[in-house]
N, C-alpha and C. Protein backbone atom coordinates (compact mmCIF):
# COMPACT_ATOMS: atom_id res chain seq x y z
N MET A 1 -43.61 -29.88 -31.99
CA MET A 1 -42.60 -29.35 -32.89
C MET A 1 -42.14 -27.99 -32.36
N GLU A 2 -40.88 -27.78 -32.40
CA GLU A 2 -40.28 -26.54 -31.91
C GLU A 2 -40.40 -25.44 -32.96
N ASP A 3 -40.80 -24.25 -32.51
CA ASP A 3 -40.87 -23.10 -33.42
C ASP A 3 -39.47 -22.60 -33.73
N MET A 4 -39.36 -21.95 -34.86
CA MET A 4 -38.10 -21.33 -35.26
C MET A 4 -38.25 -19.83 -35.02
N TYR A 5 -37.67 -19.33 -33.95
CA TYR A 5 -37.81 -17.93 -33.55
C TYR A 5 -36.45 -17.25 -33.68
N PHE A 6 -36.39 -16.21 -34.51
CA PHE A 6 -35.15 -15.48 -34.75
C PHE A 6 -35.37 -14.02 -34.40
N ASN A 7 -34.76 -13.57 -33.31
CA ASN A 7 -34.90 -12.19 -32.88
C ASN A 7 -33.71 -11.40 -33.42
N TRP A 8 -33.99 -10.48 -34.32
CA TRP A 8 -32.93 -9.72 -34.98
C TRP A 8 -32.31 -8.68 -34.07
N ASP A 9 -32.82 -8.52 -32.86
CA ASP A 9 -32.14 -7.68 -31.87
C ASP A 9 -30.93 -8.42 -31.29
N ASP A 10 -30.90 -9.72 -31.48
CA ASP A 10 -29.76 -10.54 -31.05
C ASP A 10 -28.69 -10.45 -32.14
N PRO A 11 -27.53 -9.87 -31.84
CA PRO A 11 -26.49 -9.67 -32.86
C PRO A 11 -26.04 -10.97 -33.52
N SER A 12 -26.16 -12.08 -32.84
CA SER A 12 -25.71 -13.34 -33.43
C SER A 12 -26.57 -13.77 -34.62
N ILE A 13 -27.84 -13.37 -34.62
CA ILE A 13 -28.73 -13.72 -35.74
C ILE A 13 -28.27 -13.02 -37.01
N ALA A 14 -28.07 -11.72 -36.94
CA ALA A 14 -27.62 -10.96 -38.12
C ALA A 14 -26.23 -11.42 -38.56
N ARG A 15 -25.37 -11.71 -37.60
CA ARG A 15 -24.01 -12.16 -37.93
C ARG A 15 -24.05 -13.49 -38.68
N GLU A 16 -24.87 -14.44 -38.20
CA GLU A 16 -25.01 -15.73 -38.88
C GLU A 16 -25.59 -15.56 -40.28
N TYR A 17 -26.58 -14.67 -40.40
CA TYR A 17 -27.17 -14.44 -41.71
C TYR A 17 -26.15 -13.87 -42.69
N ARG A 18 -25.34 -12.91 -42.24
CA ARG A 18 -24.31 -12.34 -43.12
C ARG A 18 -23.29 -13.39 -43.53
N ARG A 19 -23.00 -14.30 -42.63
CA ARG A 19 -22.03 -15.36 -42.92
C ARG A 19 -22.61 -16.39 -43.89
N ASN A 20 -23.89 -16.69 -43.72
CA ASN A 20 -24.55 -17.70 -44.55
C ASN A 20 -26.01 -17.30 -44.76
N PRO A 21 -26.34 -16.66 -45.88
CA PRO A 21 -27.71 -16.21 -46.13
C PRO A 21 -28.75 -17.34 -46.17
N LEU A 22 -28.31 -18.58 -46.29
CA LEU A 22 -29.25 -19.71 -46.31
C LEU A 22 -29.39 -20.37 -44.94
N ILE A 23 -28.91 -19.72 -43.90
CA ILE A 23 -28.91 -20.32 -42.56
C ILE A 23 -30.31 -20.74 -42.11
N PHE A 24 -31.31 -19.94 -42.37
CA PHE A 24 -32.67 -20.28 -41.92
C PHE A 24 -33.20 -21.49 -42.67
N ARG A 25 -32.98 -21.51 -43.96
CA ARG A 25 -33.40 -22.66 -44.78
C ARG A 25 -32.69 -23.93 -44.30
N ASN A 26 -31.40 -23.81 -44.02
CA ASN A 26 -30.63 -24.98 -43.57
C ASN A 26 -31.13 -25.49 -42.23
N LEU A 27 -31.48 -24.59 -41.32
CA LEU A 27 -31.99 -25.02 -40.02
C LEU A 27 -33.33 -25.74 -40.16
N ILE A 28 -34.19 -25.23 -41.03
CA ILE A 28 -35.48 -25.87 -41.23
C ILE A 28 -35.30 -27.23 -41.90
N ASP A 29 -34.44 -27.29 -42.91
CA ASP A 29 -34.18 -28.57 -43.57
C ASP A 29 -33.58 -29.58 -42.60
N GLY A 30 -32.81 -29.09 -41.64
CA GLY A 30 -32.20 -29.97 -40.65
C GLY A 30 -33.21 -30.67 -39.77
N LYS A 31 -34.41 -30.14 -39.69
CA LYS A 31 -35.46 -30.78 -38.89
C LYS A 31 -36.00 -32.02 -39.60
N ARG A 32 -35.78 -32.12 -40.90
CA ARG A 32 -36.24 -33.26 -41.71
C ARG A 32 -37.72 -33.54 -41.45
N CYS A 33 -38.49 -32.52 -41.57
CA CYS A 33 -39.91 -32.60 -41.25
C CYS A 33 -40.73 -32.33 -42.51
N LYS A 34 -41.76 -33.11 -42.71
CA LYS A 34 -42.64 -32.93 -43.88
C LYS A 34 -43.72 -31.88 -43.61
N LEU A 35 -43.97 -31.58 -42.34
CA LEU A 35 -45.00 -30.60 -41.99
C LEU A 35 -44.43 -29.19 -42.05
N PRO A 36 -45.29 -28.20 -42.27
CA PRO A 36 -44.82 -26.81 -42.24
C PRO A 36 -44.22 -26.46 -40.88
N VAL A 37 -43.17 -25.68 -40.90
CA VAL A 37 -42.49 -25.26 -39.68
C VAL A 37 -42.76 -23.78 -39.46
N PRO A 38 -43.34 -23.41 -38.31
CA PRO A 38 -43.56 -21.99 -38.04
C PRO A 38 -42.23 -21.26 -37.85
N VAL A 39 -42.08 -20.12 -38.52
CA VAL A 39 -40.85 -19.34 -38.45
C VAL A 39 -41.21 -17.91 -38.09
N VAL A 40 -40.49 -17.34 -37.11
CA VAL A 40 -40.72 -15.96 -36.68
C VAL A 40 -39.43 -15.18 -36.84
N PHE A 41 -39.53 -14.06 -37.56
CA PHE A 41 -38.40 -13.14 -37.70
C PHE A 41 -38.76 -11.87 -36.93
N ASP A 42 -38.55 -11.90 -35.64
CA ASP A 42 -38.90 -10.78 -34.77
C ASP A 42 -37.91 -9.64 -34.96
N GLU A 43 -38.43 -8.44 -35.09
CA GLU A 43 -37.63 -7.22 -35.22
C GLU A 43 -36.81 -7.16 -36.52
N ILE A 44 -37.18 -7.95 -37.51
CA ILE A 44 -36.42 -7.95 -38.76
C ILE A 44 -36.53 -6.60 -39.48
N HIS A 45 -37.60 -5.86 -39.20
CA HIS A 45 -37.79 -4.56 -39.86
C HIS A 45 -36.66 -3.58 -39.53
N LYS A 46 -35.87 -3.86 -38.53
CA LYS A 46 -34.74 -3.00 -38.17
C LYS A 46 -33.52 -3.25 -39.05
N GLN A 47 -33.55 -4.33 -39.82
CA GLN A 47 -32.43 -4.67 -40.68
C GLN A 47 -32.56 -3.98 -42.04
N ARG A 48 -31.45 -3.56 -42.54
CA ARG A 48 -31.42 -2.98 -43.88
C ARG A 48 -31.82 -4.07 -44.87
N ASP A 49 -32.61 -3.73 -45.84
CA ASP A 49 -33.07 -4.68 -46.88
C ASP A 49 -33.87 -5.85 -46.31
N TRP A 50 -34.64 -5.61 -45.25
CA TRP A 50 -35.39 -6.69 -44.63
C TRP A 50 -36.40 -7.32 -45.58
N ARG A 51 -36.93 -6.52 -46.48
CA ARG A 51 -37.91 -7.07 -47.44
C ARG A 51 -37.23 -8.09 -48.37
N ASN A 52 -36.01 -7.79 -48.76
CA ASN A 52 -35.28 -8.73 -49.61
C ASN A 52 -34.93 -10.01 -48.87
N ILE A 53 -34.62 -9.89 -47.58
CA ILE A 53 -34.32 -11.08 -46.78
C ILE A 53 -35.54 -11.98 -46.73
N LEU A 54 -36.71 -11.40 -46.47
CA LEU A 54 -37.94 -12.20 -46.42
C LEU A 54 -38.32 -12.77 -47.78
N ALA A 55 -38.14 -11.98 -48.82
CA ALA A 55 -38.46 -12.45 -50.17
C ALA A 55 -37.58 -13.65 -50.55
N ALA A 56 -36.30 -13.56 -50.25
CA ALA A 56 -35.39 -14.66 -50.56
C ALA A 56 -35.74 -15.90 -49.74
N PHE A 57 -36.08 -15.70 -48.47
CA PHE A 57 -36.47 -16.83 -47.63
C PHE A 57 -37.69 -17.52 -48.22
N CYS A 58 -38.69 -16.75 -48.61
CA CYS A 58 -39.91 -17.32 -49.19
C CYS A 58 -39.63 -18.03 -50.51
N MET A 59 -38.73 -17.49 -51.29
CA MET A 59 -38.38 -18.12 -52.57
C MET A 59 -37.76 -19.49 -52.34
N PHE A 60 -36.85 -19.59 -51.38
CA PHE A 60 -36.19 -20.86 -51.11
C PHE A 60 -37.06 -21.80 -50.29
N ALA A 61 -38.03 -21.26 -49.56
CA ALA A 61 -38.90 -22.10 -48.73
C ALA A 61 -39.96 -22.80 -49.57
N GLY A 62 -40.26 -22.25 -50.72
CA GLY A 62 -41.32 -22.81 -51.56
C GLY A 62 -40.85 -23.97 -52.30
């Protein structure tokens, strides 16, 4: 299974998130997998409101 690695130093990651805040959830759902999917948000601490981004992700992931 492929890991989901999102490096927030890559401008395209933040741009996609601003365009669609559910992008990570949609990508994981697109795998159509019943097993847990490892997700990495590298360098997310550099984003404004990073705690809210993670909290929202966890809320929708549950």
